[in-house]
C-alpha atoms as a PDB file:
ATOM      1  CA  UNK A   1      -2.261-163.242 -63.309  1.00  0.00           C
ATOM      2  CA  UNK A   2      -3.756-162.982 -59.874  1.00  0.00           C
ATOM      3  CA  UNK A   3      -3.882-160.267 -57.253  1.00  0.00           C
ATOM      4  CA  UNK A   4      -4.330-161.024 -53.565  1.00  0.00           C
ATOM      5  CA  UNK A   5      -5.705-158.231 -51.392  1.00  0.00           C
ATOM      6  CA  UNK A   6      -5.868-158.537 -47.616  1.00  0.00           C
ATOM      7  CA  UNK A   7      -8.340-156.627 -45.478  1.00  0.00           C
ATOM      8  CA  UNK A   8     -10.796-155.473 -48.129  1.00  0.00           C
ATOM      9  CA  UNK A   9     -14.405-156.497 -48.556  1.00  0.00           C
ATOM     10  CA  UNK A  10     -15.821-158.050 -51.699  1.00  0.00           C
ATOM     11  CA  UNK A  11     -17.825-154.938 -52.624  1.00  0.00           C
ATOM     12  CA  UNK A  12     -14.726-152.732 -52.336  1.00  0.00           C
ATOM     13  CA  UNK A  13     -12.652-155.144 -54.397  1.00  0.00           C
ATOM     14  CA  UNK A  14     -15.327-155.345 -57.077  1.00  0.00           C
ATOM     15  CA  UNK A  15     -15.443-151.537 -57.230  1.00  0.00           C
ATOM     16  CA  UNK A  16     -11.647-151.333 -57.591  1.00  0.00           C
ATOM     17  CA  UNK A  17     -11.537-154.077 -60.223  1.00  0.00           C
ATOM     18  CA  UNK A  18     -14.334-152.468 -62.223  1.00  0.00           C
ATOM     19  CA  UNK A  19     -12.571-149.108 -62.118  1.00  0.00           C
ATOM     20  CA  UNK A  20      -9.356-150.768 -63.399  1.00  0.00           C
ATOM     21  CA  UNK A  21     -11.273-152.535 -66.191  1.00  0.00           C
ATOM     22  CA  UNK A  22     -13.046-149.355 -67.235  1.00  0.00           C
ATOM     23  CA  UNK A  23      -9.908-147.190 -67.175  1.00  0.00           C
ATOM     24  CA  UNK A  24      -7.948-149.737 -69.206  1.00  0.00           C
ATOM     25  CA  UNK A  25     -10.658-149.801 -71.876  1.00  0.00           C
ATOM     26  CA  UNK A  26     -10.890-145.990 -72.040  1.00  0.00           C
ATOM     27  CA  UNK A  27      -7.185-145.215 -72.405  1.00  0.00           C
ATOM     28  CA  UNK A  28      -5.378-146.822 -75.339  1.00  0.00           C
ATOM     29  CA  UNK A  29      -1.673-147.656 -75.069  1.00  0.00           C
ATOM     30  CA  UNK A  30       0.361-145.570 -77.468  1.00  0.00           C
ATOM     31  CA  UNK A  31       3.646-146.629 -78.993  1.00  0.00           C
ATOM     32  CA  UNK A  32       6.390-144.238 -80.057  1.00  0.00           C
ATOM     33  CA  UNK A  33       5.365-144.724 -83.693  1.00  0.00           C
ATOM     34  CA  UNK A  34       1.928-143.331 -82.827  1.00  0.00           C
ATOM     35  CA  UNK A  35       0.079-146.621 -83.023  1.00  0.00           C
ATOM     36  CA  UNK A  36      -2.637-146.966 -80.402  1.00  0.00           C
ATOM     37  CA  UNK A  37      -3.731-150.280 -78.926  1.00  0.00           C
ATOM     38  CA  UNK A  38      -7.140-150.447 -77.332  1.00  0.00           C
ATOM     39  CA  UNK A  39      -7.031-152.986 -74.520  1.00  0.00           C
ATOM     40  CA  UNK A  40      -9.764-154.651 -72.532  1.00  0.00           C
ATOM     41  CA  UNK A  41      -9.741-157.270 -69.808  1.00  0.00           C
ATOM     42  CA  UNK A  42     -12.013-159.852 -68.294  1.00  0.00           C
ATOM     43  CA  UNK A  43     -11.843-160.217 -64.515  1.00  0.00           C
ATOM     44  CA  UNK A  44     -12.882-163.069 -62.252  1.00  0.00           C
ATOM     45  CA  UNK A  45     -13.197-162.028 -58.603  1.00  0.00           C
ATOM     46  CA  UNK A  46     -13.305-164.477 -55.696  1.00  0.00           C
ATOM     47  CA  UNK A  47     -13.490-163.604 -52.019  1.00  0.00           C
ATOM     48  CA  UNK A  48     -11.911-166.094 -49.614  1.00  0.00           C
ATOM     49  CA  UNK A  49     -14.405-167.996 -47.460  1.00  0.00           C
ATOM     50  CA  UNK A  50     -12.675-170.451 -45.050  1.00  0.00           C
ATOM     51  CA  UNK A  51     -15.663-172.813 -44.926  1.00  0.00           C
ATOM     52  CA  UNK A  52     -15.826-172.949 -48.741  1.00  0.00           C
ATOM     53  CA  UNK A  53     -12.195-172.676 -49.856  1.00  0.00           C
ATOM     54  CA  UNK A  54     -10.203-175.397 -48.097  1.00  0.00           C
ATOM     55  CA  UNK A  55      -6.985-174.178 -49.720  1.00  0.00           C
ATOM     56  CA  UNK A  56      -5.486-171.848 -52.254  1.00  0.00           C
ATOM     57  CA  UNK A  57      -6.414-174.184 -55.115  1.00  0.00           C
ATOM     58  CA  UNK A  58     -10.125-173.861 -54.304  1.00  0.00           C
ATOM     59  CA  UNK A  59      -9.918-170.064 -54.172  1.00  0.00           C
ATOM     60  CA  UNK A  60      -7.999-169.982 -57.453  1.00  0.00           C
ATOM     61  CA  UNK A  61     -10.560-172.322 -59.058  1.00  0.00           C
ATOM     62  CA  UNK A  62     -13.430-170.053 -57.963  1.00  0.00           C
ATOM     63  CA  UNK A  63     -11.725-166.991 -59.461  1.00  0.00           C
ATOM     64  CA  UNK A  64     -10.916-168.922 -62.639  1.00  0.00           C
ATOM     65  CA  UNK A  65     -14.544-170.020 -63.052  1.00  0.00           C
ATOM     66  CA  UNK A  66     -15.686-166.406 -62.633  1.00  0.00           C
ATOM     67  CA  UNK A  67     -13.101-165.283 -65.203  1.00  0.00           C
ATOM     68  CA  UNK A  68     -14.355-167.762 -67.783  1.00  0.00           C
ATOM     69  CA  UNK A  69     -17.959-166.695 -67.110  1.00  0.00           C
ATOM     70  CA  UNK A  70     -16.854-163.125 -67.905  1.00  0.00           C
ATOM     71  CA  UNK A  71     -15.259-164.283 -71.153  1.00  0.00           C
ATOM     72  CA  UNK A  72     -18.323-166.315 -72.191  1.00  0.00           C
ATOM     73  CA  UNK A  73     -20.589-163.344 -71.417  1.00  0.00           C
ATOM     74  CA  UNK A  74     -18.827-161.153 -73.961  1.00  0.00           C
ATOM     75  CA  UNK A  75     -15.450-160.250 -72.431  1.00  0.00           C
ATOM     76  CA  UNK A  76     -14.373-156.866 -71.053  1.00  0.00           C
ATOM     77  CA  UNK A  77     -16.391-157.384 -67.882  1.00  0.00           C
ATOM     78  CA  UNK A  78     -16.165-158.394 -64.251  1.00  0.00           C
ATOM     79  CA  UNK A  79     -17.760-161.531 -62.827  1.00  0.00           C
ATOM     80  CA  UNK A  80     -17.784-162.455 -59.150  1.00  0.00           C
ATOM     81  CA  UNK A  81     -17.521-166.029 -57.931  1.00  0.00           C
ATOM     82  CA  UNK A  82     -20.646-167.281 -56.240  1.00  0.00           C
ATOM     83  CA  UNK A  83     -20.291-168.134 -52.562  1.00  0.00           C
ATOM     84  CA  UNK A  84     -21.905-171.394 -51.555  1.00  0.00           C
END
């Protein structure tokens, strides 16, 4: 899934995303039967640059590439799309 945030800088978004990733990994989901599931996530972060992203598809592609870099690098991590 994707999350669009308006009015925040890349550094702030990366900080928020990293906090989400870390909190998810530290707090297992518990079912009524007492079973705990430890969850992790890989995150690809892209910041919109009008001169680079000529449309939503380009922005999505940049985030997707960053996501797959995070997965290839071992999962449960954040990768930021390169600009330029």
